[in-house]
Amino acid sequence: MVEIKQLQHDVDKFIQEFGGYWSPLSMLASIMEELGEIAREINALEKFKPRKDPNIDPRGKLPEEIGDCLFSLICLANTYEIDLDSALKSVVEKYRKRDSGRF
């Protein structure tokens, strides 16, 4: 299993090969765009807004769009030197404490 730290390193290496990172606001815009594409795929998958072409795979491009969003989030984290492994562990612990008696 690949660790998040390795993914951050791999994304950084890729980005450096292709000219460097965009500005943080451009990356944020990219994340928002990718979230919109995820929403479009879920709308189609859940049949709230069916596709114009019914021959497209019902799962559509959801895995690709989630991957695009994750890539963009990793880029933003790398720009601000955020260790996503530590950040995610902290968030899980926060939810564990906050919601321990909730569900």
PDB file of N, CA and C in Angstrom:
ATOM      1  N   MET A   1       0.843  -1.173   0.000  1.00  0.00           N
ATOM      2  CA  MET A   1       0.000   0.000   0.000  1.00  0.00           C
ATOM      3  C   MET A   1       0.899   1.250   0.000  1.00  0.00           C
ATOM      4  N   VAL A   2       0.568   2.198  -0.845  1.00  0.00           N
ATOM      5  CA  VAL A   2       1.342   3.424  -0.959  1.00  0.00           C
ATOM      6  C   VAL A   2       0.887   4.403   0.126  1.00  0.00           C
ATOM      7  N   GLU A   3       1.852   5.014   0.806  1.00  0.00           N
ATOM      8  CA  GLU A   3       1.534   5.999   1.829  1.00  0.00           C
ATOM      9  C   GLU A   3       1.262   7.355   1.183  1.00  0.00           C
ATOM     10  N   ILE A   4       0.516   8.159   1.884  1.00  0.00           N
ATOM     11  CA  ILE A   4       0.190   9.491   1.375  1.00  0.00           C
ATOM     12  C   ILE A   4       1.466  10.294   1.143  1.00  0.00           C
ATOM     13  N   LYS A   5       2.433  10.143   2.050  1.00  0.00           N
ATOM     14  CA  LYS A   5       3.704  10.866   1.912  1.00  0.00           C
ATOM     15  C   LYS A   5       4.362  10.538   0.570  1.00  0.00           C
ATOM     16  N   GLN A   6       4.298   9.262   0.160  1.00  0.00           N
ATOM     17  CA  GLN A   6       4.878   8.863  -1.126  1.00  0.00           C
ATOM     18  C   GLN A   6       4.090   9.473  -2.280  1.00  0.00           C
ATOM     19  N   LEU A   7       2.766   9.511  -2.154  1.00  0.00           N
ATOM     20  CA  LEU A   7       1.944  10.146  -3.186  1.00  0.00           C
ATOM     21  C   LEU A   7       2.292  11.627  -3.317  1.00  0.00           C
ATOM     22  N   GLN A   8       2.478  12.290  -2.168  1.00  0.00           N
ATOM     23  CA  GLN A   8       2.847  13.703  -2.212  1.00  0.00           C
ATOM     24  C   GLN A   8       4.188  13.882  -2.923  1.00  0.00           C
ATOM     25  N   HIS A   9       5.124  12.994  -2.644  1.00  0.00           N
ATOM     26  CA  HIS A   9       6.432  13.055  -3.304  1.00  0.00           C
ATOM     27  C   HIS A   9       6.289  12.812  -4.812  1.00  0.00           C
ATOM     28  N   ASP A  10       5.503  11.814  -5.178  1.00  0.00           N
ATOM     29  CA  ASP A  10       5.321  11.483  -6.604  1.00  0.00           C
ATOM     30  C   ASP A  10       4.662  12.634  -7.361  1.00  0.00           C
ATOM     31  N   VAL A  11       3.646  13.241  -6.759  1.00  0.00           N
ATOM     32  CA  VAL A  11       2.967  14.377  -7.392  1.00  0.00           C
ATOM     33  C   VAL A  11       3.943  15.541  -7.526  1.00  0.00           C
ATOM     34  N   ASP A  12       4.727  15.801  -6.482  1.00  0.00           N
ATOM     35  CA  ASP A  12       5.700  16.897  -6.539  1.00  0.00           C
ATOM     36  C   ASP A  12       6.710  16.676  -7.662  1.00  0.00           C
ATOM     37  N   LYS A  13       7.205  15.465  -7.773  1.00  0.00           N
ATOM     38  CA  LYS A  13       8.171  15.149  -8.835  1.00  0.00           C
ATOM     39  C   LYS A  13       7.550  15.383 -10.213  1.00  0.00           C
ATOM     40  N   PHE A  14       6.313  14.928 -10.381  1.00  0.00           N
ATOM     41  CA  PHE A  14       5.607  15.114 -11.649  1.00  0.00           C
ATOM     42  C   PHE A  14       5.436  16.599 -11.960  1.00  0.00           C
ATOM     43  N   ILE A  15       4.973  17.359 -10.975  1.00  0.00           N
ATOM     44  CA  ILE A  15       4.726  18.787 -11.171  1.00  0.00           C
ATOM     45  C   ILE A  15       6.022  19.514 -11.525  1.00  0.00           C
ATOM     46  N   GLN A  16       7.107  19.175 -10.856  1.00  0.00           N
ATOM     47  CA  GLN A  16       8.391  19.821 -11.138  1.00  0.00           C
ATOM     48  C   GLN A  16       8.850  19.535 -12.559  1.00  0.00           C
ATOM     49  N   GLU A  17       8.549  18.339 -13.067  1.00  0.00           N
ATOM     50  CA  GLU A  17       8.918  17.982 -14.438  1.00  0.00           C
ATOM     51  C   GLU A  17       8.139  18.792 -15.468  1.00  0.00           C
ATOM     52  N   PHE A  18       6.964  19.277 -15.085  1.00  0.00           N
ATOM     53  CA  PHE A  18       6.101  19.977 -16.025  1.00  0.00           C
ATOM     54  C   PHE A  18       5.938  21.460 -15.709  1.00  0.00           C
ATOM     55  N   GLY A  19       6.957  22.059 -15.112  1.00  0.00           N
ATOM     56  CA  GLY A  19       6.959  23.508 -14.985  1.00  0.00           C
ATOM     57  C   GLY A  19       6.611  24.090 -13.648  1.00  0.00           C
ATOM     58  N   GLY A  20       6.268  23.299 -12.674  1.00  0.00           N
ATOM     59  CA  GLY A  20       5.992  23.820 -11.338  1.00  0.00           C
ATOM     60  C   GLY A  20       4.512  24.004 -11.043  1.00  0.00           C
ATOM     61  N   TYR A  21       4.264  24.394  -9.823  1.00  0.00           N
ATOM     62  CA  TYR A  21       2.895  24.531  -9.332  1.00  0.00           C
ATOM     63  C   TYR A  21       2.233  25.805  -9.835  1.00  0.00           C
ATOM     64  N   TRP A  22       0.924  25.752  -9.942  1.00  0.00           N
ATOM     65  CA  TRP A  22       0.135  26.948 -10.218  1.00  0.00           C
ATOM     66  C   TRP A  22       0.082  27.775  -8.941  1.00  0.00           C
ATOM     67  N   SER A  23      -0.458  28.975  -9.042  1.00  0.00           N
ATOM     68  CA  SER A  23      -0.650  29.786  -7.842  1.00  0.00           C
ATOM     69  C   SER A  23      -1.702  29.099  -6.964  1.00  0.00           C
ATOM     70  N   PRO A  24      -1.646  29.323  -5.651  1.00  0.00           N
ATOM     71  CA  PRO A  24      -2.631  28.692  -4.758  1.00  0.00           C
ATOM     72  C   PRO A  24      -4.079  28.983  -5.149  1.00  0.00           C
ATOM     73  N   LEU A  25      -4.381  30.199  -5.570  1.00  0.00           N
ATOM     74  CA  LEU A  25      -5.767  30.494  -5.957  1.00  0.00           C
ATOM     75  C   LEU A  25      -6.177  29.744  -7.219  1.00  0.00           C
ATOM     76  N   SER A  26      -5.243  29.549  -8.138  1.00  0.00           N
ATOM     77  CA  SER A  26      -5.541  28.759  -9.338  1.00  0.00           C
ATOM     78  C   SER A  26      -5.771  27.297  -8.971  1.00  0.00           C
ATOM     79  N   MET A  27      -4.985  26.810  -8.017  1.00  0.00           N
ATOM     80  CA  MET A  27      -5.184  25.422  -7.567  1.00  0.00           C
ATOM     81  C   MET A  27      -6.528  25.278  -6.869  1.00  0.00           C
ATOM     82  N   LEU A  28      -6.908  26.272  -6.076  1.00  0.00           N
ATOM     83  CA  LEU A  28      -8.211  26.233  -5.414  1.00  0.00           C
ATOM     84  C   LEU A  28      -9.331  26.224  -6.459  1.00  0.00           C
ATOM     85  N   ALA A  29      -9.190  27.031  -7.501  1.00  0.00           N
ATOM     86  CA  ALA A  29     -10.180  27.037  -8.582  1.00  0.00           C
ATOM     87  C   ALA A  29     -10.245  25.661  -9.243  1.00  0.00           C
ATOM     88  N   SER A  30      -9.092  25.024  -9.412  1.00  0.00           N
ATOM     89  CA  SER A  30      -9.058  23.682 -10.004  1.00  0.00           C
ATOM     90  C   SER A  30      -9.783  22.676  -9.124  1.00  0.00           C
ATOM     91  N   ILE A  31      -9.573  22.777  -7.810  1.00  0.00           N
ATOM     92  CA  ILE A  31     -10.255  21.876  -6.872  1.00  0.00           C
ATOM     93  C   ILE A  31     -11.768  22.068  -6.971  1.00  0.00           C
ATOM     94  N   MET A  32     -12.209  23.311  -7.025  1.00  0.00           N
ATOM     95  CA  MET A  32     -13.641  23.591  -7.133  1.00  0.00           C
ATOM     96  C   MET A  32     -14.207  23.035  -8.444  1.00  0.00           C
ATOM     97  N   GLU A  33     -13.449  23.185  -9.520  1.00  0.00           N
ATOM     98  CA  GLU A  33     -13.878  22.641 -10.813  1.00  0.00           C
ATOM     99  C   GLU A  33     -14.002  21.121 -10.735  1.00  0.00           C
ATOM    100  N   GLU A  34     -13.016  20.479 -10.121  1.00  0.00           N
ATOM    101  CA  GLU A  34     -13.056  19.018 -10.001  1.00  0.00           C
ATOM    102  C   GLU A  34     -14.227  18.569  -9.128  1.00  0.00           C
ATOM    103  N   LEU A  35     -14.529  19.314  -8.062  1.00  0.00           N
ATOM    104  CA  LEU A  35     -15.688  18.972  -7.234  1.00  0.00           C
ATOM    105  C   LEU A  35     -16.980  19.067  -8.036  1.00  0.00           C
ATOM    106  N   GLY A  36     -17.060  20.065  -8.920  1.00  0.00           N
ATOM    107  CA  GLY A  36     -18.222  20.182  -9.790  1.00  0.00           C
ATOM    108  C   GLY A  36     -18.355  18.977 -10.710  1.00  0.00           C
ATOM    109  N   GLU A  37     -17.218  18.479 -11.197  1.00  0.00           N
ATOM    110  CA  GLU A  37     -17.244  17.304 -12.073  1.00  0.00           C
ATOM    111  C   GLU A  37     -17.635  16.052 -11.292  1.00  0.00           C
ATOM    112  N   ILE A  38     -17.212  15.971 -10.037  1.00  0.00           N
ATOM    113  CA  ILE A  38     -17.649  14.861  -9.184  1.00  0.00           C
ATOM    114  C   ILE A  38     -19.161  14.945  -8.986  1.00  0.00           C
ATOM    115  N   ALA A  39     -19.661  16.141  -8.728  1.00  0.00           N
ATOM    116  CA  ALA A  39     -21.105  16.329  -8.540  1.00  0.00           C
ATOM    117  C   ALA A  39     -21.875  15.900  -9.788  1.00  0.00           C
ATOM    118  N   ARG A  40     -21.372  16.271 -10.961  1.00  0.00           N
ATOM    119  CA  ARG A  40     -22.032  15.892 -12.209  1.00  0.00           C
ATOM    120  C   ARG A  40     -22.092  14.371 -12.347  1.00  0.00           C
ATOM    121  N   GLU A  41     -20.997  13.700 -12.022  1.00  0.00           N
ATOM    122  CA  GLU A  41     -20.962  12.234 -12.134  1.00  0.00           C
ATOM    123  C   GLU A  41     -21.919  11.577 -11.130  1.00  0.00           C
ATOM    124  N   ILE A  42     -21.977  12.098  -9.916  1.00  0.00           N
ATOM    125  CA  ILE A  42     -22.893  11.525  -8.916  1.00  0.00           C
ATOM    126  C   ILE A  42     -24.341  11.798  -9.300  1.00  0.00           C
ATOM    127  N   ASN A  43     -24.622  12.977  -9.828  1.00  0.00           N
ATOM    128  CA  ASN A  43     -25.979  13.265 -10.314  1.00  0.00           C
ATOM    129  C   ASN A  43     -26.401  12.256 -11.368  1.00  0.00           C
ATOM    130  N   ALA A  44     -25.499  11.925 -12.267  1.00  0.00           N
ATOM    131  CA  ALA A  44     -25.820  10.945 -13.312  1.00  0.00           C
ATOM    132  C   ALA A  44     -25.957   9.544 -12.716  1.00  0.00           C
ATOM    133  N   LEU A  45     -25.033   9.188 -11.833  1.00  0.00           N
ATOM    134  CA  LEU A  45     -25.048   7.855 -11.227  1.00  0.00           C
ATOM    135  C   LEU A  45     -26.312   7.630 -10.407  1.00  0.00           C
ATOM    136  N   GLU A  46     -26.758   8.656  -9.699  1.00  0.00           N
ATOM    137  CA  GLU A  46     -27.955   8.552  -8.857  1.00  0.00           C
ATOM    138  C   GLU A  46     -29.243   8.882  -9.612  1.00  0.00           C
ATOM    139  N   LYS A  47     -29.092   9.144 -10.906  1.00  0.00           N
ATOM    140  CA  LYS A  47     -30.212   9.390 -11.815  1.00  0.00           C
ATOM    141  C   LYS A  47     -31.002  10.659 -11.499  1.00  0.00           C
ATOM    142  N   PHE A  48     -30.348  11.631 -10.843  1.00  0.00           N
ATOM    143  CA  PHE A  48     -30.992  12.927 -10.642  1.00  0.00           C
ATOM    144  C   PHE A  48     -30.914  13.756 -11.909  1.00  0.00           C
ATOM    145  N   LYS A  49     -29.834  13.562 -12.641  1.00  0.00           N
ATOM    146  CA  LYS A  49     -29.659  14.252 -13.910  1.00  0.00           C
ATOM    147  C   LYS A  49     -29.004  13.255 -14.878  1.00  0.00           C
ATOM    148  N   PRO A  50     -29.827  12.439 -15.537  1.00  0.00           N
ATOM    149  CA  PRO A  50     -29.286  11.392 -16.412  1.00  0.00           C
ATOM    150  C   PRO A  50     -28.413  11.960 -17.537  1.00  0.00           C
ATOM    151  N   ARG A  51     -27.513  11.142 -17.983  1.00  0.00           N
ATOM    152  CA  ARG A  51     -26.635  11.522 -19.090  1.00  0.00           C
ATOM    153  C   ARG A  51     -27.438  11.629 -20.381  1.00  0.00           C
ATOM    154  N   LYS A  52     -26.945  12.484 -21.265  1.00  0.00           N
ATOM    155  CA  LYS A  52     -27.580  12.602 -22.582  1.00  0.00           C
ATOM    156  C   LYS A  52     -27.349  11.335 -23.391  1.00  0.00           C
ATOM    157  N   ASP A  53     -26.182  10.728 -23.204  1.00  0.00           N
ATOM    158  CA  ASP A  53     -25.839   9.490 -23.911  1.00  0.00           C
ATOM    159  C   ASP A  53     -26.041   8.313 -22.954  1.00  0.00           C
ATOM    160  N   PRO A  54     -27.116   7.534 -23.116  1.00  0.00           N
ATOM    161  CA  PRO A  54     -27.405   6.435 -22.193  1.00  0.00           C
ATOM    162  C   PRO A  54     -26.431   5.257 -22.330  1.00  0.00           C
ATOM    163  N   ASN A  55     -25.573   5.267 -23.341  1.00  0.00           N
ATOM    164  CA  ASN A  55     -24.635   4.169 -23.548  1.00  0.00           C
ATOM    165  C   ASN A  55     -23.357   4.300 -22.718  1.00  0.00           C
ATOM    166  N   ILE A  56     -23.202   5.386 -22.003  1.00  0.00           N
ATOM    167  CA  ILE A  56     -22.013   5.584 -21.169  1.00  0.00           C
ATOM    168  C   ILE A  56     -22.119   4.707 -19.932  1.00  0.00           C
ATOM    169  N   ASP A  57     -21.007   4.127 -19.530  1.00  0.00           N
ATOM    170  CA  ASP A  57     -20.922   3.273 -18.346  1.00  0.00           C
ATOM    171  C   ASP A  57     -21.609   3.959 -17.161  1.00  0.00           C
ATOM    172  N   PRO A  58     -22.507   3.252 -16.460  1.00  0.00           N
ATOM    173  CA  PRO A  58     -23.229   3.864 -15.343  1.00  0.00           C
ATOM    174  C   PRO A  58     -22.312   4.452 -14.264  1.00  0.00           C
ATOM    175  N   ARG A  59     -21.143   3.848 -14.054  1.00  0.00           N
ATOM    176  CA  ARG A  59     -20.203   4.423 -13.079  1.00  0.00           C
ATOM    177  C   ARG A  59     -19.565   5.673 -13.634  1.00  0.00           C
ATOM    178  N   GLY A  60     -19.669   5.847 -14.939  1.00  0.00           N
ATOM    179  CA  GLY A  60     -19.144   7.055 -15.550  1.00  0.00           C
ATOM    180  C   GLY A  60     -17.678   7.267 -15.259  1.00  0.00           C
ATOM    181  N   LYS A  61     -17.352   8.496 -15.049  1.00  0.00           N
ATOM    182  CA  LYS A  61     -15.975   8.874 -14.819  1.00  0.00           C
ATOM    183  C   LYS A  61     -15.718   9.240 -13.359  1.00  0.00           C
ATOM    184  N   LEU A  62     -16.563   8.762 -12.455  1.00  0.00           N
ATOM    185  CA  LEU A  62     -16.428   9.131 -11.047  1.00  0.00           C
ATOM    186  C   LEU A  62     -15.045   8.815 -10.479  1.00  0.00           C
ATOM    187  N   PRO A  63     -14.496   7.620 -10.688  1.00  0.00           N
ATOM    188  CA  PRO A  63     -13.151   7.360 -10.143  1.00  0.00           C
ATOM    189  C   PRO A  63     -12.098   8.342 -10.685  1.00  0.00           C
ATOM    190  N   GLU A  64     -12.180   8.641 -11.968  1.00  0.00           N
ATOM    191  CA  GLU A  64     -11.238   9.591 -12.570  1.00  0.00           C
ATOM    192  C   GLU A  64     -11.396  10.985 -11.962  1.00  0.00           C
ATOM    193  N   GLU A  65     -12.636  11.420 -11.791  1.00  0.00           N
ATOM    194  CA  GLU A  65     -12.882  12.765 -11.257  1.00  0.00           C
ATOM    195  C   GLU A  65     -12.431  12.873  -9.799  1.00  0.00           C
ATOM    196  N   ILE A  66     -12.656  11.816  -9.008  1.00  0.00           N
ATOM    197  CA  ILE A  66     -12.169  11.821  -7.626  1.00  0.00           C
ATOM    198  C   ILE A  66     -10.643  11.845  -7.621  1.00  0.00           C
ATOM    199  N   GLY A  67     -10.031  11.089  -8.528  1.00  0.00           N
ATOM    200  CA  GLY A  67      -8.573  11.119  -8.648  1.00  0.00           C
ATOM    201  C   GLY A  67      -8.055  12.491  -9.024  1.00  0.00           C
ATOM    202  N   ASP A  68      -8.740  13.161  -9.951  1.00  0.00           N
ATOM    203  CA  ASP A  68      -8.349  14.522 -10.335  1.00  0.00           C
ATOM    204  C   ASP A  68      -8.414  15.466  -9.139  1.00  0.00           C
ATOM    205  N   CYS A  69      -9.467  15.340  -8.347  1.00  0.00           N
ATOM    206  CA  CYS A  69      -9.638  16.201  -7.176  1.00  0.00           C
ATOM    207  C   CYS A  69      -8.540  15.913  -6.149  1.00  0.00           C
ATOM    208  N   LEU A  70      -8.250  14.650  -5.927  1.00  0.00           N
ATOM    209  CA  LEU A  70      -7.196  14.273  -4.983  1.00  0.00           C
ATOM    210  C   LEU A  70      -5.848  14.817  -5.441  1.00  0.00           C
ATOM    211  N   PHE A  71      -5.565  14.717  -6.723  1.00  0.00           N
ATOM    212  CA  PHE A  71      -4.322  15.255  -7.282  1.00  0.00           C
ATOM    213  C   PHE A  71      -4.227  16.753  -6.997  1.00  0.00           C
ATOM    214  N   SER A  72      -5.313  17.472  -7.243  1.00  0.00           N
ATOM    215  CA  SER A  72      -5.320  18.919  -7.017  1.00  0.00           C
ATOM    216  C   SER A  72      -5.150  19.254  -5.542  1.00  0.00           C
ATOM    217  N   LEU A  73      -5.775  18.484  -4.659  1.00  0.00           N
ATOM    218  CA  LEU A  73      -5.614  18.698  -3.222  1.00  0.00           C
ATOM    219  C   LEU A  73      -4.177  18.439  -2.775  1.00  0.00           C
ATOM    220  N   ILE A  74      -3.566  17.404  -3.330  1.00  0.00           N
ATOM    221  CA  ILE A  74      -2.167  17.114  -3.004  1.00  0.00           C
ATOM    222  C   ILE A  74      -1.273  18.263  -3.465  1.00  0.00           C
ATOM    223  N   CYS A  75      -1.545  18.800  -4.641  1.00  0.00           N
ATOM    224  CA  CYS A  75      -0.762  19.945  -5.127  1.00  0.00           C
ATOM    225  C   CYS A  75      -0.869  21.124  -4.163  1.00  0.00           C
ATOM    226  N   LEU A  76      -2.065  21.416  -3.692  1.00  0.00           N
ATOM    227  CA  LEU A  76      -2.253  22.526  -2.769  1.00  0.00           C
ATOM    228  C   LEU A  76      -1.520  22.257  -1.449  1.00  0.00           C
ATOM    229  N   ALA A  77      -1.635  21.039  -0.945  1.00  0.00           N
ATOM    230  CA  ALA A  77      -0.941  20.673   0.295  1.00  0.00           C
ATOM    231  C   ALA A  77       0.572  20.799   0.119  1.00  0.00           C
ATOM    232  N   ASN A  78       1.089  20.350  -1.016  1.00  0.00           N
ATOM    233  CA  ASN A  78       2.525  20.451  -1.261  1.00  0.00           C
ATOM    234  C   ASN A  78       2.978  21.903  -1.293  1.00  0.00           C
ATOM    235  N   THR A  79       2.188  22.756  -1.884  1.00  0.00           N
ATOM    236  CA  THR A  79       2.542  24.178  -1.970  1.00  0.00           C
ATOM    237  C   THR A  79       2.719  24.780  -0.577  1.00  0.00           C
ATOM    238  N   TYR A  80       1.845  24.391   0.344  1.00  0.00           N
ATOM    239  CA  TYR A  80       1.912  24.920   1.699  1.00  0.00           C
ATOM    240  C   TYR A  80       2.689  24.005   2.660  1.00  0.00           C
ATOM    241  N   GLU A  81       3.373  23.004   2.099  1.00  0.00           N
ATOM    242  CA  GLU A  81       4.193  22.066   2.874  1.00  0.00           C
ATOM    243  C   GLU A  81       3.404  21.401   3.999  1.00  0.00           C
ATOM    244  N   ILE A  82       2.210  20.946   3.654  1.00  0.00           N
ATOM    245  CA  ILE A  82       1.344  20.254   4.606  1.00  0.00           C
ATOM    246  C   ILE A  82       1.549  18.762   4.450  1.00  0.00           C
ATOM    247  N   ASP A  83       1.854  18.090   5.545  1.00  0.00           N
ATOM    248  CA  ASP A  83       1.998  16.636   5.562  1.00  0.00           C
ATOM    249  C   ASP A  83       0.585  16.053   5.649  1.00  0.00           C
ATOM    250  N   LEU A  84       0.081  15.551   4.534  1.00  0.00           N
ATOM    251  CA  LEU A  84      -1.301  15.061   4.502  1.00  0.00           C
ATOM    252  C   LEU A  84      -1.513  13.841   5.376  1.00  0.00           C
ATOM    253  N   ASP A  85      -0.492  13.035   5.567  1.00  0.00           N
ATOM    254  CA  ASP A  85      -0.614  11.874   6.439  1.00  0.00           C
ATOM    255  C   ASP A  85      -0.930  12.331   7.862  1.00  0.00           C
ATOM    256  N   SER A  86      -0.166  13.289   8.360  1.00  0.00           N
ATOM    257  CA  SER A  86      -0.404  13.817   9.707  1.00  0.00           C
ATOM    258  C   SER A  86      -1.743  14.541   9.780  1.00  0.00           C
ATOM    259  N   ALA A  87      -2.056  15.319   8.741  1.00  0.00           N
ATOM    260  CA  ALA A  87      -3.312  16.072   8.727  1.00  0.00           C
ATOM    261  C   ALA A  87      -4.505  15.127   8.778  1.00  0.00           C
ATOM    262  N   LEU A  88      -4.467  14.065   7.992  1.00  0.00           N
ATOM    263  CA  LEU A  88      -5.586  13.128   7.968  1.00  0.00           C
ATOM    264  C   LEU A  88      -5.712  12.374   9.290  1.00  0.00           C
ATOM    265  N   LYS A  89      -4.583  11.961   9.856  1.00  0.00           N
ATOM    266  CA  LYS A  89      -4.623  11.272  11.148  1.00  0.00           C
ATOM    267  C   LYS A  89      -5.215  12.190  12.222  1.00  0.00           C
ATOM    268  N   SER A  90      -4.848  13.458  12.203  1.00  0.00           N
ATOM    269  CA  SER A  90      -5.383  14.417  13.175  1.00  0.00           C
ATOM    270  C   SER A  90      -6.885  14.586  13.010  1.00  0.00           C
ATOM    271  N   VAL A  91      -7.344  14.646  11.772  1.00  0.00           N
ATOM    272  CA  VAL A  91      -8.781  14.814  11.513  1.00  0.00           C
ATOM    273  C   VAL A  91      -9.558  13.584  11.964  1.00  0.00           C
ATOM    274  N   VAL A  92      -9.032  12.393  11.695  1.00  0.00           N
ATOM    275  CA  VAL A  92      -9.718  11.168  12.123  1.00  0.00           C
ATOM    276  C   VAL A  92      -9.813  11.141  13.648  1.00  0.00           C
ATOM    277  N   GLU A  93      -8.730  11.511  14.321  1.00  0.00           N
ATOM    278  CA  GLU A  93      -8.749  11.541  15.789  1.00  0.00           C
ATOM    279  C   GLU A  93      -9.745  12.580  16.295  1.00  0.00           C
ATOM    280  N   LYS A  94      -9.798  13.738  15.645  1.00  0.00           N
ATOM    281  CA  LYS A  94     -10.756  14.782  16.031  1.00  0.00           C
ATOM    282  C   LYS A  94     -12.186  14.256  15.926  1.00  0.00           C
ATOM    283  N   TYR A  95     -12.509  13.591  14.804  1.00  0.00           N
ATOM    284  CA  TYR A  95     -13.856  13.052  14.629  1.00  0.00           C
ATOM    285  C   TYR A  95     -14.134  11.928  15.625  1.00  0.00           C
ATOM    286  N   ARG A  96     -13.104  11.117  15.897  1.00  0.00           N
ATOM    287  CA  ARG A  96     -13.278  10.014  16.841  1.00  0.00           C
ATOM    288  C   ARG A  96     -13.663  10.557  18.217  1.00  0.00           C
ATOM    289  N   LYS A  97     -12.972  11.584  18.671  1.00  0.00           N
ATOM    290  CA  LYS A  97     -13.273  12.177  19.980  1.00  0.00           C
ATOM    291  C   LYS A  97     -14.620  12.890  19.966  1.00  0.00           C
ATOM    292  N   ARG A  98     -14.845  13.686  18.935  1.00  0.00           N
ATOM    293  CA  ARG A  98     -16.051  14.500  18.868  1.00  0.00           C
ATOM    294  C   ARG A  98     -17.310  13.657  18.720  1.00  0.00           C
ATOM    295  N   ASP A  99     -17.214  12.599  17.943  1.00  0.00           N
ATOM    296  CA  ASP A  99     -18.409  11.832  17.581  1.00  0.00           C
ATOM    297  C   ASP A  99     -18.482  10.479  18.272  1.00  0.00           C
ATOM    298  N   SER A 100     -17.671  10.246  19.305  1.00  0.00           N
ATOM    299  CA  SER A 100     -17.614   8.919  19.927  1.00  0.00           C
ATOM    300  C   SER A 100     -18.968   8.447  20.456  1.00  0.00           C
ATOM    301  N   GLY A 101     -19.799   9.332  20.944  1.00  0.00           N
ATOM    302  CA  GLY A 101     -21.110   8.925  21.452  1.00  0.00           C
ATOM    303  C   GLY A 101     -22.254   9.363  20.567  1.00  0.00           C
ATOM    304  N   ARG A 102     -21.908   9.843  19.396  1.00  0.00           N
ATOM    305  CA  ARG A 102     -22.928  10.455  18.528  1.00  0.00           C
ATOM    306  C   ARG A 102     -23.646   9.455  17.641  1.00  0.00           C
ATOM    307  N   PHE A 103     -22.955   8.450  17.147  1.00  0.00           N
ATOM    308  CA  PHE A 103     -23.565   7.521  16.181  1.00  0.00           C
ATOM    309  C   PHE A 103     -23.653   6.127  16.753  1.00  0.00           C
TER     310      PHE A 103
END
